[in-house]
Amino acid sequence: MNIRPLRDHIVIRPIELERVSSGGIAIPDSIKPENGHDGPNGKPYFPSHCLTGEVVAVGPGVVTERGVLPMEVSVGDKVQYSMNGVREIPGTDLTMIREADVVGFVDAAAG
């Protein structure tokens, strides 16, 4: 399936990361957060955690009265993003978000 996002939308392939406490202890999936929410992959979601993924497609940017404001992310970037507004793309392992939901880049050297 070829997907061409519009405006400031981004298609992301989520990356599974092991959940680890600040003390370095692995947190198993059987531990549920107090809020009881699950993430888009069905695993427990803790609001303090961001999701991580690789950008596979980006839209052209937001149209303003001064023209198109280009995207800051590009295909191949590894990013962390909030769960707000995450939409799963049916029949794929991909999700779609808006650029505003990206909270940072994952440094390739770090991880």
N, C-alpha and C. Protein backbone atom coordinates (compact mmCIF):
# COMPACT_ATOMS: atom_id res chain seq x y z
N MET A 1 0.84 -1.17 0.00
CA MET A 1 0.00 0.00 0.00
C MET A 1 0.89 1.23 0.00
N ASN A 2 0.71 2.10 -0.97
CA ASN A 2 1.43 3.36 -1.01
C ASN A 2 0.58 4.44 -0.38
N ILE A 3 1.16 5.15 0.57
CA ILE A 3 0.44 6.22 1.28
C ILE A 3 1.21 7.51 1.08
N ARG A 4 0.52 8.54 0.63
CA ARG A 4 1.11 9.86 0.45
C ARG A 4 0.40 10.81 1.41
N PRO A 5 1.03 11.13 2.54
CA PRO A 5 0.39 12.00 3.53
C PRO A 5 0.18 13.41 3.00
N LEU A 6 -0.87 14.05 3.48
CA LEU A 6 -1.16 15.43 3.14
C LEU A 6 -0.69 16.36 4.25
N ARG A 7 -0.46 17.60 3.88
CA ARG A 7 -0.10 18.68 4.79
C ARG A 7 1.00 18.27 5.78
N ASP A 8 0.71 18.34 7.08
CA ASP A 8 1.73 18.07 8.10
C ASP A 8 1.61 16.68 8.71
N HIS A 9 1.08 15.74 7.94
CA HIS A 9 0.96 14.37 8.44
C HIS A 9 2.23 13.57 8.14
N ILE A 10 2.51 12.61 9.02
CA ILE A 10 3.71 11.77 8.92
C ILE A 10 3.28 10.32 9.09
N VAL A 11 3.80 9.44 8.25
CA VAL A 11 3.58 8.00 8.41
C VAL A 11 4.80 7.43 9.11
N ILE A 12 4.55 6.67 10.18
CA ILE A 12 5.62 6.13 11.02
C ILE A 12 5.48 4.62 11.17
N ARG A 13 6.61 3.93 11.14
CA ARG A 13 6.66 2.51 11.47
C ARG A 13 7.16 2.44 12.92
N PRO A 14 6.29 2.08 13.87
CA PRO A 14 6.70 2.03 15.27
C PRO A 14 7.84 1.04 15.48
N ILE A 15 8.72 1.38 16.40
CA ILE A 15 9.84 0.53 16.78
C ILE A 15 9.58 0.05 18.20
N GLU A 16 9.65 -1.25 18.40
CA GLU A 16 9.47 -1.81 19.73
C GLU A 16 10.72 -1.57 20.56
N LEU A 17 10.56 -0.91 21.68
CA LEU A 17 11.66 -0.72 22.61
C LEU A 17 11.30 -1.41 23.92
N GLU A 18 12.30 -1.97 24.55
CA GLU A 18 12.07 -2.57 25.86
C GLU A 18 11.82 -1.46 26.86
N ARG A 19 10.78 -1.61 27.65
CA ARG A 19 10.49 -0.60 28.66
C ARG A 19 11.39 -0.84 29.86
N VAL A 20 12.12 0.19 30.25
CA VAL A 20 13.08 0.08 31.34
C VAL A 20 12.82 1.21 32.32
N SER A 21 12.88 0.89 33.62
CA SER A 21 12.70 1.92 34.65
C SER A 21 13.92 2.82 34.69
N SER A 22 13.80 3.93 35.43
CA SER A 22 14.92 4.85 35.54
C SER A 22 16.12 4.19 36.23
N GLY A 23 15.87 3.12 36.98
CA GLY A 23 16.95 2.38 37.65
C GLY A 23 17.54 1.28 36.79
N GLY A 24 17.01 1.11 35.56
CA GLY A 24 17.56 0.11 34.65
C GLY A 24 16.89 -1.25 34.71
N ILE A 25 15.75 -1.35 35.39
CA ILE A 25 15.05 -2.62 35.50
C ILE A 25 14.03 -2.73 34.37
N ALA A 26 14.03 -3.87 33.65
CA ALA A 26 13.07 -4.10 32.56
C ALA A 26 11.68 -4.25 33.15
N ILE A 27 10.70 -3.57 32.54
CA ILE A 27 9.32 -3.61 33.00
C ILE A 27 8.55 -4.55 32.08
N PRO A 28 8.02 -5.66 32.59
CA PRO A 28 7.30 -6.61 31.73
C PRO A 28 5.95 -6.05 31.28
N ASP A 29 5.44 -6.59 30.16
CA ASP A 29 4.16 -6.14 29.63
C ASP A 29 2.99 -6.44 30.56
N SER A 30 3.18 -7.36 31.50
CA SER A 30 2.10 -7.69 32.43
C SER A 30 1.83 -6.57 33.43
N ILE A 31 2.78 -5.65 33.60
CA ILE A 31 2.60 -4.51 34.49
C ILE A 31 1.78 -3.46 33.76
N LYS A 32 0.64 -3.11 34.31
CA LYS A 32 -0.25 -2.12 33.71
C LYS A 32 -0.07 -0.78 34.41
N PRO A 33 -0.16 0.31 33.65
CA PRO A 33 -0.09 1.62 34.29
C PRO A 33 -1.33 1.89 35.11
N GLU A 34 -1.24 2.85 36.02
CA GLU A 34 -2.39 3.19 36.86
C GLU A 34 -3.57 3.67 36.05
N ASN A 35 -3.30 4.29 34.89
CA ASN A 35 -4.41 4.81 34.08
C ASN A 35 -5.10 3.70 33.29
N GLY A 36 -4.50 2.51 33.24
CA GLY A 36 -5.12 1.38 32.56
C GLY A 36 -5.14 1.45 31.05
N HIS A 37 -4.45 2.43 30.45
CA HIS A 37 -4.48 2.59 29.00
C HIS A 37 -3.45 1.72 28.31
N ASP A 38 -3.80 1.25 27.13
CA ASP A 38 -2.87 0.53 26.28
C ASP A 38 -2.49 1.42 25.12
N GLY A 39 -1.27 1.23 24.61
CA GLY A 39 -0.79 1.98 23.45
C GLY A 39 -1.38 1.42 22.18
N PRO A 40 -1.02 2.00 21.02
CA PRO A 40 -1.58 1.56 19.75
C PRO A 40 -1.20 0.13 19.39
N ASN A 41 -0.13 -0.41 19.99
CA ASN A 41 0.26 -1.78 19.71
C ASN A 41 -0.34 -2.76 20.71
N GLY A 42 -1.25 -2.29 21.57
CA GLY A 42 -1.90 -3.15 22.54
C GLY A 42 -1.10 -3.36 23.81
N LYS A 43 0.09 -2.80 23.89
CA LYS A 43 0.92 -2.95 25.08
C LYS A 43 0.63 -1.80 26.04
N PRO A 44 0.91 -1.99 27.34
CA PRO A 44 0.64 -0.93 28.31
C PRO A 44 1.31 0.38 27.92
N TYR A 45 0.59 1.47 28.10
CA TYR A 45 1.11 2.80 27.78
C TYR A 45 1.18 3.63 29.04
N PHE A 46 2.34 4.12 29.34
CA PHE A 46 2.54 5.01 30.47
C PHE A 46 2.66 6.43 29.92
N PRO A 47 1.86 7.38 30.40
CA PRO A 47 1.89 8.74 29.85
C PRO A 47 3.27 9.37 29.85
N SER A 48 4.15 8.96 30.76
CA SER A 48 5.48 9.55 30.82
C SER A 48 6.40 9.00 29.72
N HIS A 49 5.95 7.99 29.01
CA HIS A 49 6.77 7.39 27.96
C HIS A 49 6.34 7.87 26.59
N CYS A 50 7.30 8.10 25.73
CA CYS A 50 7.01 8.44 24.35
C CYS A 50 7.15 7.17 23.51
N LEU A 51 6.49 7.15 22.39
CA LEU A 51 6.63 6.06 21.44
C LEU A 51 7.79 6.40 20.51
N THR A 52 8.40 5.40 19.94
CA THR A 52 9.53 5.60 19.03
C THR A 52 9.21 4.95 17.71
N GLY A 53 9.62 5.58 16.62
CA GLY A 53 9.37 5.01 15.31
C GLY A 53 10.25 5.63 14.24
N GLU A 54 10.20 5.01 13.05
CA GLU A 54 10.95 5.50 11.91
C GLU A 54 9.98 6.13 10.92
N VAL A 55 10.31 7.31 10.45
CA VAL A 55 9.47 8.02 9.49
C VAL A 55 9.60 7.36 8.12
N VAL A 56 8.46 6.95 7.55
CA VAL A 56 8.48 6.31 6.23
C VAL A 56 7.88 7.18 5.13
N ALA A 57 7.12 8.21 5.51
CA ALA A 57 6.56 9.15 4.52
C ALA A 57 6.18 10.44 5.23
N VAL A 58 6.33 11.56 4.53
CA VAL A 58 5.94 12.86 5.10
C VAL A 58 5.15 13.66 4.07
N GLY A 59 4.26 14.48 4.58
CA GLY A 59 3.52 15.39 3.71
C GLY A 59 4.39 16.58 3.35
N PRO A 60 3.89 17.48 2.49
CA PRO A 60 4.68 18.63 2.05
C PRO A 60 4.86 19.71 3.10
N GLY A 61 3.96 19.77 4.08
CA GLY A 61 4.03 20.80 5.11
C GLY A 61 2.71 21.53 5.22
N VAL A 62 2.65 22.43 6.18
CA VAL A 62 1.43 23.19 6.45
C VAL A 62 1.34 24.38 5.49
N VAL A 63 0.16 24.59 4.93
CA VAL A 63 -0.06 25.73 4.05
C VAL A 63 -0.46 26.93 4.91
N THR A 64 0.31 28.01 4.78
CA THR A 64 0.01 29.24 5.50
C THR A 64 -0.24 30.34 4.48
N GLU A 65 -0.58 31.51 4.95
CA GLU A 65 -0.80 32.62 4.02
C GLU A 65 0.50 33.09 3.36
N ARG A 66 1.63 32.68 3.90
CA ARG A 66 2.93 33.02 3.31
C ARG A 66 3.48 31.90 2.42
N GLY A 67 2.74 30.82 2.29
CA GLY A 67 3.19 29.68 1.49
C GLY A 67 3.22 28.41 2.32
N VAL A 68 3.97 27.43 1.85
CA VAL A 68 4.05 26.14 2.55
C VAL A 68 5.20 26.17 3.55
N LEU A 69 4.87 25.87 4.81
CA LEU A 69 5.88 25.77 5.86
C LEU A 69 6.43 24.35 5.80
N PRO A 70 7.70 24.16 5.40
CA PRO A 70 8.22 22.82 5.19
C PRO A 70 8.31 22.00 6.48
N MET A 71 8.34 20.69 6.32
CA MET A 71 8.42 19.76 7.44
C MET A 71 9.84 19.75 8.00
N GLU A 72 9.96 19.55 9.30
CA GLU A 72 11.27 19.43 9.93
C GLU A 72 11.76 17.99 9.93
N VAL A 73 10.86 17.04 9.77
CA VAL A 73 11.25 15.63 9.73
C VAL A 73 11.32 15.17 8.29
N SER A 74 12.11 14.13 8.07
CA SER A 74 12.20 13.58 6.72
C SER A 74 12.22 12.06 6.80
N VAL A 75 11.99 11.43 5.67
CA VAL A 75 11.96 9.97 5.59
C VAL A 75 13.29 9.42 6.11
N GLY A 76 13.19 8.39 6.94
CA GLY A 76 14.38 7.76 7.51
C GLY A 76 14.72 8.24 8.90
N ASP A 77 14.17 9.39 9.32
CA ASP A 77 14.44 9.88 10.68
C ASP A 77 13.82 8.94 11.70
N LYS A 78 14.52 8.75 12.81
CA LYS A 78 13.95 8.02 13.94
C LYS A 78 13.51 9.09 14.94
N VAL A 79 12.25 9.02 15.35
CA VAL A 79 11.68 10.06 16.19
C VAL A 79 10.96 9.46 17.39
N GLN A 80 10.80 10.29 18.41
CA GLN A 80 9.92 9.96 19.52
C GLN A 80 8.71 10.85 19.38
N TYR A 81 7.53 10.27 19.67
CA TYR A 81 6.30 11.01 19.49
C TYR A 81 5.30 10.64 20.57
N SER A 82 4.40 11.57 20.84
CA SER A 82 3.38 11.32 21.85
C SER A 82 2.25 10.50 21.24
N MET A 83 1.49 9.88 22.09
CA MET A 83 0.41 9.02 21.63
C MET A 83 -0.81 9.83 21.17
N ASN A 84 -0.81 11.13 21.44
CA ASN A 84 -1.94 11.99 21.04
C ASN A 84 -2.12 11.94 19.53
N GLY A 85 -3.30 11.66 19.09
CA GLY A 85 -3.60 11.72 17.67
C GLY A 85 -3.05 10.59 16.83
N VAL A 86 -2.49 9.54 17.45
CA VAL A 86 -1.96 8.41 16.68
C VAL A 86 -3.13 7.68 16.02
N ARG A 87 -3.02 7.48 14.71
CA ARG A 87 -4.03 6.74 13.97
C ARG A 87 -3.36 5.56 13.29
N GLU A 88 -3.85 4.36 13.58
CA GLU A 88 -3.32 3.17 12.94
C GLU A 88 -3.82 3.11 11.50
N ILE A 89 -2.98 2.65 10.60
CA ILE A 89 -3.37 2.49 9.20
C ILE A 89 -3.77 1.03 9.02
N PRO A 90 -5.05 0.76 8.77
CA PRO A 90 -5.56 -0.61 8.71
C PRO A 90 -4.78 -1.47 7.70
N GLY A 91 -4.52 -2.72 8.10
CA GLY A 91 -3.86 -3.67 7.23
C GLY A 91 -2.35 -3.49 7.13
N THR A 92 -1.78 -2.61 7.97
CA THR A 92 -0.34 -2.38 7.95
C THR A 92 0.17 -2.32 9.39
N ASP A 93 1.48 -2.23 9.52
CA ASP A 93 2.07 -2.01 10.84
C ASP A 93 2.42 -0.53 11.03
N LEU A 94 1.81 0.34 10.23
CA LEU A 94 2.12 1.77 10.22
C LEU A 94 1.10 2.59 11.00
N THR A 95 1.55 3.73 11.47
CA THR A 95 0.65 4.69 12.11
C THR A 95 0.86 6.05 11.46
N MET A 96 -0.11 6.95 11.64
CA MET A 96 -0.01 8.30 11.11
C MET A 96 -0.22 9.29 12.24
N ILE A 97 0.62 10.32 12.25
CA ILE A 97 0.51 11.39 13.25
C ILE A 97 0.71 12.72 12.54
N ARG A 98 0.53 13.79 13.26
CA ARG A 98 0.86 15.13 12.76
C ARG A 98 2.26 15.47 13.24
N GLU A 99 2.93 16.34 12.53
CA GLU A 99 4.30 16.71 12.90
C GLU A 99 4.35 17.29 14.32
N ALA A 100 3.31 17.97 14.74
CA ALA A 100 3.28 18.57 16.08
C ALA A 100 3.37 17.52 17.19
N ASP A 101 3.04 16.26 16.89
CA ASP A 101 3.12 15.20 17.89
C ASP A 101 4.52 14.62 18.04
N VAL A 102 5.44 15.00 17.15
CA VAL A 102 6.83 14.58 17.29
C VAL A 102 7.47 15.42 18.38
N VAL A 103 8.07 14.76 19.37
CA VAL A 103 8.68 15.49 20.47
C VAL A 103 10.19 15.54 20.38
N GLY A 104 10.79 14.73 19.50
CA GLY A 104 12.23 14.79 19.36
C GLY A 104 12.76 13.73 18.40
N PHE A 105 14.02 13.88 18.06
CA PHE A 105 14.71 12.94 17.19
C PHE A 105 15.53 11.99 18.04
N VAL A 106 15.65 10.75 17.59
CA VAL A 106 16.47 9.77 18.26
C VAL A 106 17.83 9.78 17.57
N ASP A 107 18.87 10.07 18.30
CA ASP A 107 20.21 10.13 17.75
C ASP A 107 20.65 8.73 17.35
N ALA A 108 21.06 8.55 16.09
CA ALA A 108 21.47 7.24 15.58
C ALA A 108 22.66 6.70 16.36
N ALA A 109 23.55 7.55 16.82
CA ALA A 109 24.73 7.11 17.56
C ALA A 109 24.35 6.60 18.95
N ALA A 110 23.22 7.12 19.49
CA ALA A 110 22.80 6.74 20.84
C ALA A 110 21.97 5.48 20.85
N GLY A 111 21.42 5.10 19.71
CA GLY A 111 20.58 3.99 19.91
C GLY A 111 20.09 3.23 18.81
